[in-house]
Amino acid sequence: MELLQDATVGYGYRPLRAAWLLLCLLATGTALFTALPPTAVGDGKPPPFQPAIYTLDLLLPLVDLGQERSYGPTGIMQWSTVALIGMGWDGHKAAPSTRRRHR
């Protein structure tokens, strides 16, 4: 975990790295879900599918934008979804904190 925090946010000393990581993940997820969109789930009419909003819905752990519960990935895209959710939770956990790093 320390290597990941050092690479992504520099233990809080380089918080812009987290923003770049989020933007890269957003671009990757948007491209993936544009090429292979998930299918609508549930009853009723789902909102229009928006790949960027769907990706943000997966990456931001405490935000519900309505896309994730309206659409479900199939096949190999399920693993992409799991990876994005995990990276979103890890990015949330690795966000800059007030802890000091001791050398």
Protein backbone atom coordinates (compact mmCIF):
# COMPACT_ATOMS: atom_id res chain seq x y z
CA MET A 1 0.00 0.00 0.00
CA GLU A 2 2.88 2.36 0.69
CA LEU A 3 4.18 2.05 -2.86
CA LEU A 4 0.73 2.84 -4.24
CA GLN A 5 0.34 5.89 -2.01
CA ASP A 6 3.83 7.10 -2.88
CA ALA A 7 3.18 6.69 -6.61
CA THR A 8 -0.30 8.22 -6.62
CA VAL A 9 -0.24 11.09 -4.12
CA GLY A 10 3.29 11.13 -2.72
CA TYR A 11 1.97 10.53 0.81
CA GLY A 12 -0.04 13.75 0.57
CA TYR A 13 2.87 15.91 -0.55
CA ARG A 14 1.84 15.69 -4.22
CA PRO A 15 -1.99 15.78 -4.23
CA LEU A 16 -2.20 16.74 -7.91
CA ARG A 17 -1.05 13.22 -8.76
CA ALA A 18 -4.39 11.96 -7.45
CA ALA A 19 -6.22 14.35 -9.78
CA TRP A 20 -4.18 13.11 -12.76
CA LEU A 21 -4.86 9.51 -11.77
CA LEU A 22 -8.60 10.24 -11.57
CA LEU A 23 -8.55 11.92 -14.98
CA CYS A 24 -6.67 8.97 -16.54
CA LEU A 25 -9.09 6.47 -15.03
CA LEU A 26 -12.04 8.60 -16.17
CA ALA A 27 -10.70 8.73 -19.74
CA THR A 28 -9.98 4.98 -19.78
CA GLY A 29 -13.39 4.04 -18.35
CA THR A 30 -15.20 6.39 -20.70
CA ALA A 31 -13.44 4.87 -23.72
CA LEU A 32 -14.15 1.32 -22.53
CA PHE A 33 -17.84 1.91 -21.85
CA THR A 34 -18.28 3.83 -25.09
CA ALA A 35 -16.94 0.84 -27.01
CA LEU A 36 -18.78 -1.80 -24.94
CA PRO A 37 -21.73 -0.17 -23.15
CA PRO A 38 -23.47 -2.03 -20.31
CA THR A 39 -27.05 -3.19 -20.61
CA ALA A 40 -29.98 -1.62 -18.80
CA VAL A 41 -31.16 -3.47 -15.68
CA GLY A 42 -34.37 -3.34 -13.69
CA ASP A 43 -37.90 -2.41 -14.59
CA GLY A 44 -38.93 0.86 -16.11
CA LYS A 45 -37.10 3.20 -18.42
CA PRO A 46 -33.47 3.85 -17.41
CA PRO A 47 -31.89 7.28 -17.88
CA PRO A 48 -29.89 7.72 -21.08
CA PHE A 49 -26.51 6.00 -20.83
CA GLN A 50 -23.57 8.37 -20.47
CA PRO A 51 -20.17 6.63 -20.40
CA ALA A 52 -18.33 9.43 -18.54
CA ILE A 53 -21.02 9.73 -15.85
CA TYR A 54 -21.15 5.93 -15.52
CA THR A 55 -17.37 5.85 -15.01
CA LEU A 56 -17.53 8.63 -12.41
CA ASP A 57 -20.32 6.74 -10.66
CA LEU A 58 -17.96 3.76 -10.37
CA LEU A 59 -14.89 5.78 -9.33
CA LEU A 60 -16.46 8.00 -6.67
CA PRO A 61 -17.38 5.71 -3.78
CA LEU A 62 -19.72 8.00 -1.87
CA VAL A 63 -21.56 9.57 -4.81
CA ASP A 64 -24.62 8.10 -6.54
CA LEU A 65 -25.14 9.52 -10.02
CA GLY A 66 -27.81 6.94 -10.92
CA GLN A 67 -25.96 5.27 -13.78
CA GLU A 68 -24.43 2.36 -11.84
CA ARG A 69 -27.79 1.12 -10.53
CA SER A 70 -29.47 1.52 -13.93
CA TYR A 71 -26.88 -0.31 -16.03
CA GLY A 72 -24.97 -3.54 -15.52
CA PRO A 73 -21.87 -4.66 -17.42
CA THR A 74 -21.66 -8.11 -18.98
CA GLY A 75 -18.80 -10.42 -19.83
CA ILE A 76 -15.27 -9.10 -19.48
CA MET A 77 -16.58 -5.61 -18.74
CA GLN A 78 -17.63 -6.86 -15.30
CA TRP A 79 -13.94 -7.12 -14.40
CA SER A 80 -13.33 -3.59 -15.68
CA THR A 81 -16.14 -2.39 -13.44
CA VAL A 82 -14.68 -4.19 -10.42
CA ALA A 83 -11.25 -2.70 -11.15
CA LEU A 84 -12.62 0.85 -11.45
CA ILE A 85 -14.61 0.50 -8.22
CA GLY A 86 -11.52 -0.81 -6.43
CA MET A 87 -9.34 1.99 -7.76
CA GLY A 88 -11.97 4.52 -6.74
CA TRP A 89 -12.01 3.19 -3.18
CA ASP A 90 -8.22 3.02 -3.11
CA GLY A 91 -7.95 6.56 -4.46
CA HIS A 92 -10.40 7.73 -1.82
CA LYS A 93 -8.32 6.01 0.86
CA ALA A 94 -5.03 7.35 -0.51
CA ALA A 95 -6.24 10.95 -0.62
CA PRO A 96 -3.99 13.46 1.10
CA SER A 97 -4.19 13.31 4.85
CA THR A 98 -2.74 15.16 7.79
CA ARG A 99 -0.49 12.27 8.80
CA ARG A 100 3.21 12.97 8.66
CA ARG A 101 5.62 10.62 6.98
CA HIS A 102 8.60 9.64 9.07
CA ARG A 103 11.83 8.70 7.35
